[in-house]
Amino acid sequence: MVFFDEIASTSFSDPEATISVLKDYMQTGHFSRGPLEFTAQASIVLGGNIDSDLERKAPSSRYRHLFESLPPELGADTAFLDRLHAFLPGWELPKIQPENYAQGYGFITDYLAEIFNRLRRRNYQTVINARADFSGLTGRNQDAIRKTAAGLLKLIHPHRTADDLLDKEIRPCLDLAVECRGRVVDQLAVLAPTEFRPAGFEVGIK
């Protein structure tokens, strides 16, 4: 993946061209360098901070929508934002404490990276396609939920195959994918109410 850390303070020398490249890549997986065109499978992750109300465990009420903390070129471009598959709310995650650290043996980074690399060759999207009911959802919503849920299945159930995954194992991954995509759509509905409606969608299992 390509990780943009501290995205709020990121600036672009040519914002229009950069965002155009990002949008094309996020939609098709293709990008160009000079006369050459390439295909890649890397994900794009935007990391940053949002002012939060610690008592409410929620973003500060001063935000009209959660994309306000992005650079203006990104935070106002609904076509770019609609290509985001998931929004993970950091204010809901507990801070890492010393007692969270492992006390025993673990995988070294290179070994763990090789495991993740090999897992990329296993396609769990076919499972989601076969087992999930996407009735009434747009293509982008389906793609976002399908890819997020498939990634979660790989991480949580790497010992399973497409043939032996149980509904009770698929359901939590599907629900989290729906929640993460729904958060993106809900913020788009605040940003551009004439173009987007609040999510309110559900995905069943066949």
N, C-alpha and C. Protein backbone atom coordinates (compact mmCIF):
# COMPACT_ATOMS: atom_id res chain seq x y z
N MET A 1 0.84 -1.19 0.00
CA MET A 1 0.00 0.00 0.00
C MET A 1 0.88 1.25 0.00
N VAL A 2 0.30 2.35 -0.42
CA VAL A 2 0.96 3.65 -0.35
C VAL A 2 0.27 4.44 0.75
N PHE A 3 1.03 4.78 1.79
CA PHE A 3 0.45 5.41 2.97
C PHE A 3 0.83 6.89 3.01
N PHE A 4 -0.18 7.75 3.00
CA PHE A 4 0.03 9.19 3.12
C PHE A 4 -0.15 9.55 4.60
N ASP A 5 0.97 9.72 5.31
CA ASP A 5 0.89 10.05 6.74
C ASP A 5 0.68 11.55 6.91
N GLU A 6 0.01 11.93 8.00
CA GLU A 6 -0.27 13.35 8.28
C GLU A 6 -0.84 14.03 7.05
N ILE A 7 -1.89 13.43 6.50
CA ILE A 7 -2.46 13.90 5.24
C ILE A 7 -2.93 15.34 5.33
N ALA A 8 -3.34 15.80 6.52
CA ALA A 8 -3.85 17.16 6.66
C ALA A 8 -2.81 18.21 6.30
N SER A 9 -1.54 17.90 6.50
CA SER A 9 -0.48 18.87 6.22
C SER A 9 0.20 18.62 4.88
N THR A 10 -0.36 17.73 4.09
CA THR A 10 0.22 17.42 2.78
C THR A 10 -0.15 18.50 1.77
N SER A 11 0.82 18.89 0.96
CA SER A 11 0.55 19.86 -0.11
C SER A 11 1.02 19.27 -1.43
N PHE A 12 0.40 19.71 -2.50
CA PHE A 12 0.70 19.19 -3.83
C PHE A 12 1.19 20.33 -4.71
N SER A 13 2.29 20.09 -5.43
CA SER A 13 2.82 21.13 -6.31
C SER A 13 1.88 21.39 -7.49
N ASP A 14 1.20 20.33 -7.93
CA ASP A 14 0.22 20.46 -9.01
C ASP A 14 -1.03 19.69 -8.59
N PRO A 15 -1.87 20.29 -7.73
CA PRO A 15 -3.01 19.57 -7.15
C PRO A 15 -3.94 18.95 -8.19
N GLU A 16 -4.27 19.69 -9.24
CA GLU A 16 -5.23 19.18 -10.23
C GLU A 16 -4.71 17.93 -10.90
N ALA A 17 -3.44 17.94 -11.32
CA ALA A 17 -2.87 16.78 -12.00
C ALA A 17 -2.73 15.60 -11.05
N THR A 18 -2.27 15.87 -9.82
CA THR A 18 -2.06 14.79 -8.85
C THR A 18 -3.37 14.10 -8.50
N ILE A 19 -4.41 14.88 -8.24
CA ILE A 19 -5.69 14.30 -7.85
C ILE A 19 -6.32 13.56 -9.03
N SER A 20 -6.09 14.04 -10.24
CA SER A 20 -6.59 13.34 -11.42
C SER A 20 -5.95 11.96 -11.53
N VAL A 21 -4.64 11.89 -11.29
CA VAL A 21 -3.94 10.60 -11.32
C VAL A 21 -4.46 9.68 -10.23
N LEU A 22 -4.66 10.22 -9.03
CA LEU A 22 -5.15 9.42 -7.91
C LEU A 22 -6.55 8.86 -8.22
N LYS A 23 -7.42 9.70 -8.76
CA LYS A 23 -8.78 9.26 -9.04
C LYS A 23 -8.79 8.15 -10.09
N ASP A 24 -7.99 8.32 -11.14
CA ASP A 24 -7.93 7.29 -12.18
C ASP A 24 -7.41 5.98 -11.61
N TYR A 25 -6.35 6.09 -10.79
CA TYR A 25 -5.76 4.87 -10.22
C TYR A 25 -6.74 4.18 -9.26
N MET A 26 -7.42 4.96 -8.43
CA MET A 26 -8.35 4.37 -7.47
C MET A 26 -9.55 3.72 -8.16
N GLN A 27 -9.87 4.18 -9.35
CA GLN A 27 -11.00 3.61 -10.08
C GLN A 27 -10.60 2.41 -10.93
N THR A 28 -9.43 2.49 -11.59
CA THR A 28 -9.06 1.47 -12.58
C THR A 28 -7.83 0.65 -12.23
N GLY A 29 -6.98 1.17 -11.32
CA GLY A 29 -5.73 0.47 -11.02
C GLY A 29 -4.64 0.78 -12.02
N HIS A 30 -4.89 1.75 -12.92
CA HIS A 30 -3.89 2.12 -13.94
C HIS A 30 -3.35 3.53 -13.65
N PHE A 31 -2.10 3.74 -14.02
CA PHE A 31 -1.52 5.08 -13.97
C PHE A 31 -0.44 5.18 -15.03
N SER A 32 -0.12 6.42 -15.41
CA SER A 32 0.85 6.66 -16.48
C SER A 32 2.05 7.43 -15.97
N ARG A 33 3.20 7.12 -16.53
CA ARG A 33 4.42 7.89 -16.30
C ARG A 33 5.01 8.16 -17.67
N GLY A 34 4.89 9.42 -18.13
CA GLY A 34 5.33 9.73 -19.48
C GLY A 34 4.47 8.98 -20.48
N PRO A 35 5.09 8.33 -21.47
CA PRO A 35 4.31 7.61 -22.48
C PRO A 35 3.89 6.20 -22.04
N LEU A 36 4.33 5.77 -20.87
CA LEU A 36 4.09 4.41 -20.43
C LEU A 36 2.90 4.34 -19.47
N GLU A 37 2.15 3.25 -19.56
CA GLU A 37 1.03 3.02 -18.65
C GLU A 37 1.28 1.77 -17.84
N PHE A 38 0.97 1.82 -16.56
CA PHE A 38 1.23 0.71 -15.66
C PHE A 38 -0.05 0.30 -14.95
N THR A 39 -0.05 -0.94 -14.48
CA THR A 39 -1.13 -1.47 -13.65
C THR A 39 -0.55 -1.89 -12.31
N ALA A 40 -1.23 -1.58 -11.22
CA ALA A 40 -0.75 -1.95 -9.89
C ALA A 40 -1.92 -2.34 -9.01
N GLN A 41 -1.61 -3.00 -7.89
CA GLN A 41 -2.65 -3.45 -6.98
C GLN A 41 -2.51 -2.84 -5.59
N ALA A 42 -1.60 -1.90 -5.44
CA ALA A 42 -1.39 -1.30 -4.11
C ALA A 42 -2.61 -0.47 -3.70
N SER A 43 -2.92 -0.53 -2.41
CA SER A 43 -3.98 0.29 -1.86
C SER A 43 -3.43 1.67 -1.50
N ILE A 44 -4.31 2.64 -1.39
CA ILE A 44 -3.94 3.98 -0.94
C ILE A 44 -4.60 4.22 0.42
N VAL A 45 -3.80 4.62 1.40
CA VAL A 45 -4.31 4.87 2.74
C VAL A 45 -3.95 6.29 3.14
N LEU A 46 -4.93 7.03 3.63
CA LEU A 46 -4.72 8.39 4.10
C LEU A 46 -4.80 8.38 5.63
N GLY A 47 -3.72 8.75 6.29
CA GLY A 47 -3.70 8.76 7.75
C GLY A 47 -3.58 10.17 8.28
N GLY A 48 -4.33 10.47 9.32
CA GLY A 48 -4.25 11.82 9.86
C GLY A 48 -5.00 11.92 11.18
N ASN A 49 -4.99 13.12 11.73
CA ASN A 49 -5.63 13.36 13.02
C ASN A 49 -6.88 14.22 12.88
N ILE A 50 -7.86 13.91 13.71
CA ILE A 50 -9.08 14.70 13.79
C ILE A 50 -9.25 15.11 15.25
N ASP A 51 -9.50 16.38 15.48
CA ASP A 51 -9.73 16.83 16.86
C ASP A 51 -10.95 16.10 17.42
N SER A 52 -10.77 15.52 18.62
CA SER A 52 -11.85 14.70 19.19
C SER A 52 -12.26 15.18 20.57
N ASP A 53 -13.49 14.89 20.91
CA ASP A 53 -14.01 15.13 22.25
C ASP A 53 -13.83 13.82 23.02
N LEU A 54 -12.87 13.80 23.95
CA LEU A 54 -12.53 12.56 24.64
C LEU A 54 -13.67 12.04 25.49
N GLU A 55 -14.47 12.92 26.05
CA GLU A 55 -15.58 12.48 26.89
C GLU A 55 -16.67 11.80 26.06
N ARG A 56 -16.97 12.37 24.92
CA ARG A 56 -18.00 11.78 24.06
C ARG A 56 -17.45 10.68 23.17
N LYS A 57 -16.11 10.59 23.08
CA LYS A 57 -15.46 9.66 22.16
C LYS A 57 -16.01 9.86 20.75
N ALA A 58 -15.95 11.12 20.33
CA ALA A 58 -16.48 11.50 19.02
C ALA A 58 -15.67 12.68 18.50
N PRO A 59 -15.74 12.94 17.20
CA PRO A 59 -15.04 14.10 16.65
C PRO A 59 -15.56 15.40 17.26
N SER A 60 -14.73 16.41 17.26
CA SER A 60 -15.14 17.71 17.76
C SER A 60 -16.36 18.21 16.99
N SER A 61 -17.26 18.86 17.71
CA SER A 61 -18.50 19.34 17.09
C SER A 61 -18.26 20.49 16.11
N ARG A 62 -17.03 20.99 16.07
CA ARG A 62 -16.76 22.10 15.14
C ARG A 62 -16.70 21.64 13.68
N TYR A 63 -16.58 20.34 13.46
CA TYR A 63 -16.53 19.83 12.09
C TYR A 63 -17.92 19.75 11.50
N ARG A 64 -18.05 20.26 10.30
CA ARG A 64 -19.32 20.08 9.58
C ARG A 64 -19.38 18.67 9.00
N HIS A 65 -18.25 18.19 8.50
CA HIS A 65 -18.14 16.81 8.03
C HIS A 65 -16.71 16.34 8.29
N LEU A 66 -16.49 15.04 8.27
CA LEU A 66 -15.22 14.48 8.69
C LEU A 66 -14.11 14.62 7.66
N PHE A 67 -14.42 15.10 6.47
CA PHE A 67 -13.39 15.30 5.46
C PHE A 67 -12.78 16.70 5.53
N GLU A 68 -13.24 17.51 6.47
CA GLU A 68 -12.71 18.87 6.60
C GLU A 68 -11.23 18.90 6.95
N SER A 69 -10.75 17.84 7.58
CA SER A 69 -9.34 17.83 7.99
C SER A 69 -8.40 17.47 6.83
N LEU A 70 -8.94 17.09 5.70
CA LEU A 70 -8.11 16.80 4.52
C LEU A 70 -7.66 18.11 3.88
N PRO A 71 -6.59 18.07 3.09
CA PRO A 71 -6.23 19.26 2.31
C PRO A 71 -7.43 19.70 1.48
N PRO A 72 -7.63 21.00 1.30
CA PRO A 72 -8.83 21.49 0.59
C PRO A 72 -9.04 20.85 -0.76
N GLU A 73 -7.95 20.55 -1.48
CA GLU A 73 -8.09 19.96 -2.81
C GLU A 73 -8.74 18.58 -2.75
N LEU A 74 -8.52 17.87 -1.67
CA LEU A 74 -9.11 16.54 -1.52
C LEU A 74 -10.46 16.59 -0.82
N GLY A 75 -10.54 17.40 0.23
CA GLY A 75 -11.74 17.42 1.05
C GLY A 75 -12.97 17.97 0.38
N ALA A 76 -12.80 18.65 -0.76
CA ALA A 76 -13.95 19.21 -1.46
C ALA A 76 -14.24 18.48 -2.76
N ASP A 77 -13.45 17.46 -3.09
CA ASP A 77 -13.61 16.75 -4.35
C ASP A 77 -14.43 15.48 -4.11
N THR A 78 -15.73 15.55 -4.35
CA THR A 78 -16.60 14.42 -4.05
C THR A 78 -16.28 13.21 -4.93
N ALA A 79 -15.79 13.42 -6.14
CA ALA A 79 -15.44 12.29 -7.00
C ALA A 79 -14.26 11.51 -6.41
N PHE A 80 -13.32 12.23 -5.81
CA PHE A 80 -12.21 11.56 -5.13
C PHE A 80 -12.70 10.85 -3.88
N LEU A 81 -13.47 11.54 -3.06
CA LEU A 81 -13.93 10.98 -1.78
C LEU A 81 -14.81 9.75 -1.99
N ASP A 82 -15.59 9.74 -3.05
CA ASP A 82 -16.48 8.61 -3.32
C ASP A 82 -15.70 7.35 -3.68
N ARG A 83 -14.44 7.52 -4.01
CA ARG A 83 -13.60 6.36 -4.34
C ARG A 83 -12.95 5.76 -3.10
N LEU A 84 -13.13 6.38 -1.93
CA LEU A 84 -12.61 5.82 -0.69
C LEU A 84 -13.50 4.66 -0.26
N HIS A 85 -12.90 3.54 0.04
CA HIS A 85 -13.67 2.35 0.40
C HIS A 85 -14.11 2.34 1.86
N ALA A 86 -13.30 2.96 2.72
CA ALA A 86 -13.60 2.85 4.15
C ALA A 86 -13.04 4.04 4.91
N PHE A 87 -13.71 4.37 5.99
CA PHE A 87 -13.25 5.40 6.92
C PHE A 87 -13.19 4.75 8.29
N LEU A 88 -11.99 4.63 8.85
CA LEU A 88 -11.81 4.00 10.15
C LEU A 88 -11.74 5.08 11.22
N PRO A 89 -12.67 5.11 12.17
CA PRO A 89 -12.72 6.16 13.19
C PRO A 89 -11.70 5.93 14.30
N GLY A 90 -10.59 6.63 14.25
CA GLY A 90 -9.54 6.45 15.24
C GLY A 90 -9.98 6.76 16.65
N TRP A 91 -10.98 7.66 16.80
CA TRP A 91 -11.42 8.03 18.15
C TRP A 91 -12.15 6.87 18.84
N GLU A 92 -12.51 5.84 18.10
CA GLU A 92 -13.16 4.68 18.72
C GLU A 92 -12.15 3.60 19.11
N LEU A 93 -10.90 3.77 18.70
CA LEU A 93 -9.89 2.75 18.98
C LEU A 93 -9.15 3.08 20.26
N PRO A 94 -8.93 2.10 21.12
CA PRO A 94 -8.19 2.36 22.37
C PRO A 94 -6.72 2.63 22.07
N LYS A 95 -6.11 3.48 22.86
CA LYS A 95 -4.69 3.75 22.71
C LYS A 95 -3.88 2.54 23.17
N ILE A 96 -2.76 2.32 22.52
CA ILE A 96 -1.91 1.18 22.86
C ILE A 96 -1.26 1.40 24.22
N GLN A 97 -1.39 0.42 25.08
CA GLN A 97 -0.82 0.46 26.43
C GLN A 97 0.30 -0.58 26.52
N PRO A 98 1.23 -0.42 27.48
CA PRO A 98 2.31 -1.39 27.62
C PRO A 98 1.82 -2.83 27.77
N GLU A 99 0.67 -3.02 28.41
CA GLU A 99 0.16 -4.38 28.60
C GLU A 99 -0.32 -5.01 27.30
N ASN A 100 -0.44 -4.20 26.23
CA ASN A 100 -0.84 -4.74 24.93
C ASN A 100 0.32 -5.40 24.20
N TYR A 101 1.54 -5.13 24.62
CA TYR A 101 2.70 -5.68 23.93
C TYR A 101 2.80 -7.19 24.16
N ALA A 102 3.18 -7.91 23.13
CA ALA A 102 3.35 -9.36 23.25
C ALA A 102 4.52 -9.68 24.18
N GLN A 103 4.37 -10.72 24.95
CA GLN A 103 5.42 -11.14 25.89
C GLN A 103 6.20 -12.34 25.37
N GLY A 104 5.67 -13.00 24.38
CA GLY A 104 6.34 -14.21 23.89
C GLY A 104 6.94 -14.03 22.52
N TYR A 105 7.03 -15.12 21.79
CA TYR A 105 7.60 -15.07 20.45
C TYR A 105 6.63 -14.44 19.46
N GLY A 106 7.17 -13.87 18.41
CA GLY A 106 6.34 -13.28 17.36
C GLY A 106 7.04 -13.38 16.02
N PHE A 107 6.35 -13.00 14.97
CA PHE A 107 6.95 -13.02 13.64
C PHE A 107 7.82 -11.79 13.44
N ILE A 108 8.99 -11.95 12.85
CA ILE A 108 9.76 -10.78 12.48
C ILE A 108 9.08 -10.13 11.28
N THR A 109 9.33 -8.85 11.09
CA THR A 109 8.60 -8.07 10.08
C THR A 109 8.71 -8.67 8.68
N ASP A 110 9.92 -9.07 8.27
CA ASP A 110 10.10 -9.60 6.92
C ASP A 110 9.28 -10.86 6.69
N TYR A 111 9.21 -11.70 7.73
CA TYR A 111 8.47 -12.96 7.61
C TYR A 111 6.98 -12.67 7.51
N LEU A 112 6.49 -11.76 8.37
CA LEU A 112 5.07 -11.40 8.36
C LEU A 112 4.70 -10.75 7.03
N ALA A 113 5.58 -9.91 6.49
CA ALA A 113 5.33 -9.27 5.20
C ALA A 113 5.21 -10.31 4.09
N GLU A 114 6.01 -11.37 4.17
CA GLU A 114 5.93 -12.43 3.17
C GLU A 114 4.60 -13.18 3.27
N ILE A 115 4.11 -13.37 4.50
CA ILE A 115 2.80 -14.00 4.68
C ILE A 115 1.71 -13.15 4.02
N PHE A 116 1.74 -11.84 4.29
CA PHE A 116 0.73 -10.96 3.70
C PHE A 116 0.84 -10.95 2.18
N ASN A 117 2.07 -10.99 1.67
CA ASN A 117 2.28 -10.99 0.23
C ASN A 117 1.65 -12.23 -0.41
N ARG A 118 1.82 -13.37 0.23
CA ARG A 118 1.26 -14.60 -0.32
C ARG A 118 -0.26 -14.64 -0.20
N LEU A 119 -0.77 -14.02 0.86
CA LEU A 119 -2.23 -13.98 1.01
C LEU A 119 -2.89 -13.17 -0.09
N ARG A 120 -2.15 -12.23 -0.68
CA ARG A 120 -2.72 -11.42 -1.77
C ARG A 120 -3.10 -12.29 -2.95
N ARG A 121 -2.49 -13.44 -3.08
CA ARG A 121 -2.79 -14.33 -4.20
C ARG A 121 -4.09 -15.09 -4.02
N ARG A 122 -4.63 -15.05 -2.80
CA ARG A 122 -5.88 -15.75 -2.53
C ARG A 122 -7.04 -14.77 -2.66
N ASN A 123 -8.00 -15.11 -3.50
CA ASN A 123 -9.10 -14.20 -3.81
C ASN A 123 -10.34 -14.55 -3.00
N TYR A 124 -10.60 -13.74 -1.97
CA TYR A 124 -11.79 -13.94 -1.15
C TYR A 124 -12.98 -13.13 -1.67
N GLN A 125 -12.74 -12.31 -2.69
CA GLN A 125 -13.87 -11.54 -3.23
C GLN A 125 -14.90 -12.45 -3.86
N THR A 126 -14.45 -13.59 -4.38
CA THR A 126 -15.40 -14.53 -4.98
C THR A 126 -16.36 -15.07 -3.92
N VAL A 127 -15.86 -15.21 -2.68
CA VAL A 127 -16.71 -15.67 -1.58
C VAL A 127 -17.79 -14.63 -1.29
N ILE A 128 -17.36 -13.37 -1.20
CA ILE A 128 -18.31 -12.29 -0.92
C ILE A 128 -19.33 -12.18 -2.05
N ASN A 129 -18.87 -12.30 -3.29
CA ASN A 129 -19.80 -12.24 -4.42
C ASN A 129 -20.86 -13.33 -4.33
N ALA A 130 -20.42 -14.52 -3.93
CA ALA A 130 -21.34 -15.66 -3.91
C ALA A 130 -22.27 -15.64 -2.71
N ARG A 131 -21.82 -15.08 -1.59
CA ARG A 131 -22.59 -15.20 -0.34
C ARG A 131 -23.32 -13.92 0.08
N ALA A 132 -22.91 -12.77 -0.46
CA ALA A 132 -23.52 -11.51 -0.03
C ALA A 132 -24.61 -11.06 -1.00
N ASP A 133 -25.63 -10.43 -0.45
CA ASP A 133 -26.74 -9.91 -1.25
C ASP A 133 -26.60 -8.39 -1.32
N PHE A 134 -26.17 -7.89 -2.47
CA PHE A 134 -25.91 -6.46 -2.66
C PHE A 134 -27.08 -5.74 -3.32
N SER A 135 -28.25 -6.27 -3.24
CA SER A 135 -29.41 -5.69 -3.92
C SER A 135 -29.58 -4.22 -3.56
N GLY A 136 -29.73 -3.37 -4.59
CA GLY A 136 -30.01 -1.96 -4.38
C GLY A 136 -28.80 -1.08 -4.16
N LEU A 137 -27.60 -1.66 -4.10
CA LEU A 137 -26.39 -0.87 -3.86
C LEU A 137 -25.74 -0.47 -5.18
N THR A 138 -25.13 0.72 -5.18
CA THR A 138 -24.42 1.18 -6.37
C THR A 138 -23.16 0.35 -6.58
N GLY A 139 -22.60 0.44 -7.76
CA GLY A 139 -21.38 -0.32 -8.07
C GLY A 139 -20.23 0.04 -7.15
N ARG A 140 -20.06 1.33 -6.85
CA ARG A 140 -18.96 1.74 -5.97
C ARG A 140 -19.16 1.24 -4.55
N ASN A 141 -20.38 1.26 -4.08
CA ASN A 141 -20.63 0.75 -2.74
C ASN A 141 -20.36 -0.75 -2.68
N GLN A 142 -20.76 -1.45 -3.72
CA GLN A 142 -20.51 -2.89 -3.76
C GLN A 142 -19.01 -3.18 -3.79
N ASP A 143 -18.27 -2.48 -4.63
CA ASP A 143 -16.82 -2.70 -4.73
C ASP A 143 -16.14 -2.44 -3.39
N ALA A 144 -16.51 -1.34 -2.74
CA ALA A 144 -15.88 -0.97 -1.48
C ALA A 144 -16.13 -2.03 -0.41
N ILE A 145 -17.37 -2.44 -0.27
CA ILE A 145 -17.73 -3.43 0.75
C ILE A 145 -17.11 -4.78 0.44
N ARG A 146 -17.15 -5.17 -0.82
CA ARG A 146 -16.60 -6.46 -1.23
C ARG A 146 -15.10 -6.55 -0.93
N LYS A 147 -14.35 -5.52 -1.28
CA LYS A 147 -12.90 -5.56 -1.10
C LYS A 147 -12.51 -5.47 0.37
N THR A 148 -13.21 -4.63 1.13
CA THR A 148 -12.91 -4.51 2.56
C THR A 148 -13.22 -5.81 3.29
N ALA A 149 -14.38 -6.40 3.01
CA ALA A 149 -14.77 -7.65 3.67
C ALA A 149 -13.81 -8.78 3.29
N ALA A 150 -13.41 -8.82 2.03
CA ALA A 150 -12.48 -9.87 1.59
C ALA A 150 -11.13 -9.74 2.30
N GLY A 151 -10.66 -8.50 2.46
CA GLY A 151 -9.40 -8.28 3.16
C GLY A 151 -9.48 -8.71 4.61
N LEU A 152 -10.60 -8.40 5.27
CA LEU A 152 -10.79 -8.80 6.66
C LEU A 152 -10.83 -10.32 6.81
N LEU A 153 -11.47 -11.00 5.87
CA LEU A 153 -11.52 -12.46 5.92
C LEU A 153 -10.12 -13.06 5.85
N LYS A 154 -9.27 -12.49 5.01
CA LYS A 154 -7.89 -12.99 4.89
C LYS A 154 -7.14 -12.84 6.21
N LEU A 155 -7.32 -11.69 6.85
CA LEU A 155 -6.57 -11.41 8.08
C LEU A 155 -7.08 -12.22 9.27
N ILE A 156 -8.40 -12.38 9.36
CA ILE A 156 -8.99 -13.02 10.53
C ILE A 156 -9.08 -14.53 10.37
N HIS A 157 -9.32 -14.99 9.15
CA HIS A 157 -9.48 -16.43 8.91
C HIS A 157 -8.53 -16.92 7.81
N PRO A 158 -7.23 -16.72 7.96
CA PRO A 158 -6.30 -17.15 6.90
C PRO A 158 -6.23 -18.67 6.75
N HIS A 159 -6.72 -19.40 7.77
CA HIS A 159 -6.71 -20.86 7.74
C HIS A 159 -7.89 -21.42 6.97
N ARG A 160 -8.82 -20.57 6.59
CA ARG A 160 -10.00 -21.03 5.87
C ARG A 160 -9.80 -20.94 4.36
N THR A 161 -10.62 -21.67 3.64
CA THR A 161 -10.65 -21.55 2.19
C THR A 161 -12.03 -21.04 1.79
N ALA A 162 -12.16 -20.70 0.53
CA ALA A 162 -13.45 -20.19 0.05
C ALA A 162 -14.55 -21.21 0.24
N ASP A 163 -14.19 -22.50 0.29
CA ASP A 163 -15.20 -23.55 0.36
C ASP A 163 -15.70 -23.84 1.78
N ASP A 164 -14.91 -23.48 2.80
CA ASP A 164 -15.33 -23.87 4.14
C ASP A 164 -15.58 -22.70 5.09
N LEU A 165 -15.63 -21.46 4.56
CA LEU A 165 -15.97 -20.32 5.41
C LEU A 165 -17.43 -20.40 5.85
N LEU A 166 -17.67 -20.16 7.11
CA LEU A 166 -19.02 -20.22 7.65
C LEU A 166 -19.68 -18.85 7.62
N ASP A 167 -21.01 -18.85 7.59
CA ASP A 167 -21.75 -17.58 7.61
C ASP A 167 -21.39 -16.75 8.83
N LYS A 168 -21.23 -17.39 10.00
CA LYS A 168 -20.92 -16.66 11.23
C LYS A 168 -19.51 -16.06 11.20
N GLU A 169 -18.65 -16.53 10.28
CA GLU A 169 -17.33 -15.94 10.11
C GLU A 169 -17.37 -14.80 9.10
N ILE A 170 -18.23 -14.92 8.11
CA ILE A 170 -18.36 -13.89 7.08
C ILE A 170 -19.11 -12.67 7.60
N ARG A 171 -20.16 -12.91 8.42
CA ARG A 171 -21.05 -11.83 8.86
C ARG A 171 -20.33 -10.67 9.54
N PRO A 172 -19.44 -10.88 10.52
CA PRO A 172 -18.78 -9.73 11.16
C PRO A 172 -17.91 -8.93 10.19
N CYS A 173 -17.24 -9.62 9.28
CA CYS A 173 -16.40 -8.93 8.30
C CYS A 173 -17.26 -8.09 7.36
N LEU A 174 -18.39 -8.64 6.97
CA LEU A 174 -19.30 -7.92 6.08
C LEU A 174 -19.91 -6.73 6.79
N ASP A 175 -20.29 -6.90 8.06
CA ASP A 175 -20.89 -5.80 8.81
C ASP A 175 -19.91 -4.65 9.00
N LEU A 176 -18.64 -4.97 9.30
CA LEU A 176 -17.65 -3.91 9.49
C LEU A 176 -17.37 -3.19 8.17
N ALA A 177 -17.33 -3.94 7.08
CA ALA A 177 -17.12 -3.32 5.77
C ALA A 177 -18.26 -2.38 5.42
N VAL A 178 -19.50 -2.79 5.73
CA VAL A 178 -20.67 -1.94 5.49
C VAL A 178 -20.59 -0.67 6.33
N GLU A 179 -20.20 -0.82 7.60
CA GLU A 179 -20.10 0.35 8.49
C GLU A 179 -19.04 1.33 7.99
N CYS A 180 -17.88 0.81 7.60
CA CYS A 180 -16.79 1.68 7.15
C CYS A 180 -17.13 2.40 5.85
N ARG A 181 -17.78 1.72 4.93
CA ARG A 181 -18.20 2.38 3.69
C ARG A 181 -19.35 3.34 3.96
N GLY A 182 -20.26 2.94 4.85
CA GLY A 182 -21.39 3.80 5.17
C GLY A 182 -20.94 5.13 5.75
N ARG A 183 -19.85 5.11 6.52
CA ARG A 183 -19.35 6.35 7.11
C ARG A 183 -18.88 7.31 6.00
N VAL A 184 -18.27 6.77 4.96
CA VAL A 184 -17.85 7.61 3.82
C VAL A 184 -19.07 8.23 3.15
N VAL A 185 -20.07 7.41 2.87
CA VAL A 185 -21.27 7.89 2.18
C VAL A 185 -22.02 8.91 3.02
N ASP A 186 -22.09 8.67 4.33
CA ASP A 186 -22.80 9.62 5.20
C ASP A 186 -22.14 10.99 5.18
N GLN A 187 -20.81 11.03 5.14
CA GLN A 187 -20.11 12.31 5.10
C GLN A 187 -20.28 12.99 3.75
N LEU A 188 -20.34 12.20 2.69
CA LEU A 188 -20.60 12.75 1.36
C LEU A 188 -21.99 13.37 1.32
N ALA A 189 -22.93 12.76 2.02
CA ALA A 189 -24.30 13.29 2.05
C ALA A 189 -24.35 14.64 2.75
N VAL A 190 -23.46 14.84 3.73
CA VAL A 190 -23.38 16.15 4.39
C VAL A 190 -22.71 17.16 3.48
N LEU A 191 -21.66 16.71 2.81
CA LEU A 191 -20.88 17.59 1.94
C LEU A 191 -21.65 17.99 0.69
N ALA A 192 -22.35 17.04 0.09
CA ALA A 192 -23.07 17.30 -1.17
C ALA A 192 -24.45 16.64 -1.10
N PRO A 193 -25.38 17.22 -0.35
CA PRO A 193 -26.69 16.58 -0.14
C PRO A 193 -27.53 16.42 -1.40
N THR A 194 -27.26 17.21 -2.43
CA THR A 194 -28.03 17.06 -3.66
C THR A 194 -27.53 15.89 -4.50
N GLU A 195 -26.33 15.41 -4.19
CA GLU A 195 -25.72 14.33 -4.97
C GLU A 195 -25.74 12.99 -4.24
N PHE A 196 -25.67 13.04 -2.90
CA PHE A 196 -25.59 11.80 -2.12
C PHE A 196 -26.65 11.79 -1.02
N ARG A 197 -27.09 10.60 -0.71
CA ARG A 197 -28.01 10.39 0.40
C ARG A 197 -27.29 9.61 1.50
N PRO A 198 -27.71 9.77 2.77
CA PRO A 198 -27.11 8.97 3.84
C PRO A 198 -27.18 7.50 3.51
N ALA A 199 -26.19 6.76 3.95
CA ALA A 199 -26.05 5.36 3.57
C ALA A 199 -27.30 4.55 3.89
N GLY A 200 -27.46 4.17 5.13
CA GLY A 200 -28.64 3.41 5.54
C GLY A 200 -28.81 2.10 4.78
N PHE A 201 -27.72 1.55 4.24
CA PHE A 201 -27.89 0.30 3.50
C PHE A 201 -27.43 -0.90 4.34
N GLU A 202 -27.94 -2.03 3.96
CA GLU A 202 -27.59 -3.29 4.59
C GLU A 202 -27.21 -4.30 3.53
N VAL A 203 -26.37 -5.24 3.93
CA VAL A 203 -25.98 -6.31 3.02
C VAL A 203 -26.31 -7.63 3.71
N GLY A 204 -27.17 -8.41 3.08
CA GLY A 204 -27.54 -9.70 3.67
C GLY A 204 -26.65 -10.83 3.18
N ILE A 205 -26.81 -11.99 3.78
CA ILE A 205 -26.12 -13.19 3.33
C ILE A 205 -27.13 -14.14 2.73
N LYS A 206 -26.82 -14.62 1.56
CA LYS A 206 -27.75 -15.49 0.83
C LYS A 206 -27.85 -16.86 1.52
